[in-house]
Every structure is written in structure tokens, then in C-alpha cells.
Amino acid sequence: MIGVARGRVAIGVAAFALPGLTVKLMGMGGGSDAGRDYVTRMFAAREIALGAGYLLSKGPNRRLWARLGLVVDSLDTVNGLKSRGRLPLWVTAGAVGVAGGTAAVGAAKVGRDLLR
């Protein structure tokens, strides 16, 4: 989970600083688009907050941040699946793979916390 949280912060900082490049690398468009850049920065802020919240917390608060991350990653996975057919297959597969993978890591952490 610490690796996931660090990755969230890194991706968030990169996406906030370079939203056009981030979207281009994800295969979701190129060129200049102020609305897309705004939404990308909103995503970036969310990732920075989730990652930093987990890294800066301890004990029960850290468990709460893990649960919040699981909810977000689960919703991202559903969103990726809903985009199937409207985005290139490799884009959808990549998005669902990353979101689903982090949701699985989060689910394992939350499950372990609940069993303690």
C-alpha cells in the first residue's frame, strides 16, 4: 500500500504539472484542450490527496485512507469498463488493469485490517 500511495502522489504531481502529456500518454487525445486539462488536474489533485493522506496517517486513520482508496479505485474500474467500445481497446484495458490492480491491493489491505 505504501508503494500504491507513493505512485498516486507521483502520478498526481505529473498529471497536475503536465495534463496534456498525461492524457496523450494514456491515449485519450492530444493537442490543447482547456476543459480536458482542468479535469485532468482534478484527477491529479485527487490522486495526490489519496496518496498523501495514506502516507501521512497512522493506525485507524491509515485504515480509513485505505478504504477511501479502495472505493475510488473500484469506481475507476467500473468507469473504465463502462468506456469499453468508446475508447481504443488498449486504453480501456490499461485503465481497467491499473484501477483493478490497485483496487485488488486495496481490497487485500482492507480485508486484512478487518480480520485483525
Protein backbone atom coordinates (compact mmCIF):
# COMPACT_ATOMS: atom_id res chain seq x y z
CA MET A 1 0.00 0.00 0.00
CA ILE A 2 2.89 2.37 0.61
CA GLY A 3 4.03 1.77 -2.96
CA VAL A 4 0.50 2.43 -4.25
CA ALA A 5 0.33 5.64 -2.21
CA ARG A 6 3.70 6.84 -3.48
CA GLY A 7 2.62 6.01 -7.03
CA ARG A 8 -0.57 8.03 -6.55
CA VAL A 9 1.42 11.07 -5.47
CA ALA A 10 3.90 10.71 -8.34
CA ILE A 11 1.19 10.27 -10.97
CA GLY A 12 -0.80 13.11 -9.44
CA VAL A 13 2.12 15.52 -9.50
CA ALA A 14 2.95 14.58 -13.10
CA ALA A 15 -0.67 14.88 -14.25
CA PHE A 16 -1.09 18.23 -12.49
CA ALA A 17 2.12 19.64 -13.99
CA LEU A 18 1.64 18.20 -17.49
CA PRO A 19 -2.03 17.38 -18.08
CA GLY A 20 -1.75 17.40 -21.89
CA LEU A 21 1.14 14.96 -21.90
CA THR A 22 -0.57 12.75 -19.31
CA VAL A 23 -3.71 12.45 -21.42
CA LYS A 24 -1.66 11.85 -24.58
CA LEU A 25 0.31 9.05 -22.91
CA MET A 26 -2.96 7.49 -21.79
CA GLY A 27 -4.16 7.50 -25.42
CA MET A 28 -7.04 9.87 -24.76
CA GLY A 29 -6.22 12.75 -27.07
CA GLY A 30 -3.63 15.30 -27.90
CA GLY A 31 -3.42 18.98 -28.61
CA SER A 32 -4.70 21.76 -26.45
CA ASP A 33 -7.99 21.39 -24.58
CA ALA A 34 -8.56 23.61 -21.54
CA GLY A 35 -11.54 21.57 -20.29
CA ARG A 36 -9.68 18.28 -20.53
CA ASP A 37 -6.67 19.80 -18.77
CA TYR A 38 -8.92 21.09 -15.98
CA VAL A 39 -10.48 17.66 -15.44
CA THR A 40 -7.05 16.00 -15.59
CA ARG A 41 -5.81 18.34 -12.86
CA MET A 42 -8.88 17.48 -10.78
CA PHE A 43 -7.91 13.79 -11.14
CA ALA A 44 -4.35 14.74 -10.20
CA ALA A 45 -5.45 16.54 -7.05
CA ARG A 46 -7.50 13.51 -6.02
CA GLU A 47 -4.53 11.18 -6.51
CA ILE A 48 -2.19 13.47 -4.56
CA ALA A 49 -4.70 13.73 -1.71
CA LEU A 50 -5.34 9.97 -1.52
CA GLY A 51 -1.64 9.13 -1.63
CA ALA A 52 -0.53 11.81 0.81
CA GLY A 53 -3.42 11.06 3.14
CA TYR A 54 -2.34 7.42 3.36
CA LEU A 55 1.36 8.21 3.74
CA LEU A 56 0.85 10.89 6.39
CA SER A 57 -1.59 8.91 8.54
CA LYS A 58 -1.14 6.14 11.07
CA GLY A 59 -3.30 3.48 12.74
CA PRO A 60 -7.07 3.83 12.32
CA ASN A 61 -6.67 6.91 10.14
CA ARG A 62 -4.47 4.98 7.71
CA ARG A 63 -7.09 2.24 7.56
CA LEU A 64 -9.68 4.89 6.65
CA TRP A 65 -7.48 6.19 3.81
CA ALA A 66 -7.05 2.62 2.53
CA ARG A 67 -10.84 2.23 2.42
CA LEU A 68 -11.27 5.54 0.62
CA GLY A 69 -8.68 4.48 -1.94
CA LEU A 70 -10.48 1.17 -2.44
CA VAL A 71 -13.76 2.96 -3.14
CA VAL A 72 -12.13 5.32 -5.64
CA ASP A 73 -10.23 2.52 -7.40
CA SER A 74 -13.36 0.37 -7.57
CA LEU A 75 -15.33 3.23 -9.12
CA ASP A 76 -12.47 3.89 -11.56
CA THR A 77 -12.60 0.22 -12.57
CA VAL A 78 -16.35 0.42 -13.22
CA ASN A 79 -15.85 3.65 -15.15
CA GLY A 80 -13.19 2.01 -17.30
CA LEU A 81 -15.48 -0.92 -18.06
CA LYS A 82 -18.29 1.47 -18.98
CA SER A 83 -15.99 3.16 -21.52
CA ARG A 84 -15.49 -0.10 -23.41
CA GLY A 85 -16.26 0.41 -27.07
CA ARG A 86 -15.92 4.19 -26.89
CA LEU A 87 -12.15 4.23 -26.40
CA PRO A 88 -9.46 2.14 -28.06
CA LEU A 89 -9.28 -1.34 -26.52
CA TRP A 90 -5.72 -0.84 -25.28
CA VAL A 91 -6.74 2.35 -23.47
CA THR A 92 -9.68 0.65 -21.77
CA ALA A 93 -7.62 -2.43 -20.91
CA GLY A 94 -4.83 -0.29 -19.45
CA ALA A 95 -7.20 1.84 -17.38
CA VAL A 96 -9.12 -1.16 -16.08
CA GLY A 97 -5.90 -3.04 -15.43
CA VAL A 98 -4.35 -0.25 -13.37
CA ALA A 99 -7.54 0.63 -11.49
CA GLY A 100 -8.46 -3.01 -10.97
CA GLY A 101 -4.97 -3.86 -9.79
CA THR A 102 -4.87 -1.06 -7.25
CA ALA A 103 -8.42 -1.98 -6.16
CA ALA A 104 -7.21 -5.55 -5.59
CA VAL A 105 -4.26 -4.35 -3.49
CA GLY A 106 -6.62 -2.07 -1.56
CA ALA A 107 -9.13 -4.89 -1.04
CA ALA A 108 -6.39 -7.13 0.33
CA LYS A 109 -5.30 -4.39 2.74
CA VAL A 110 -8.85 -3.58 3.86
CA GLY A 111 -9.64 -7.28 4.26
CA ARG A 112 -6.52 -7.85 6.34
CA ASP A 113 -7.37 -4.82 8.51
CA LEU A 114 -10.89 -6.15 9.10
CA LEU A 115 -9.58 -9.55 10.19
CA ARG A 116 -7.25 -8.05 12.80
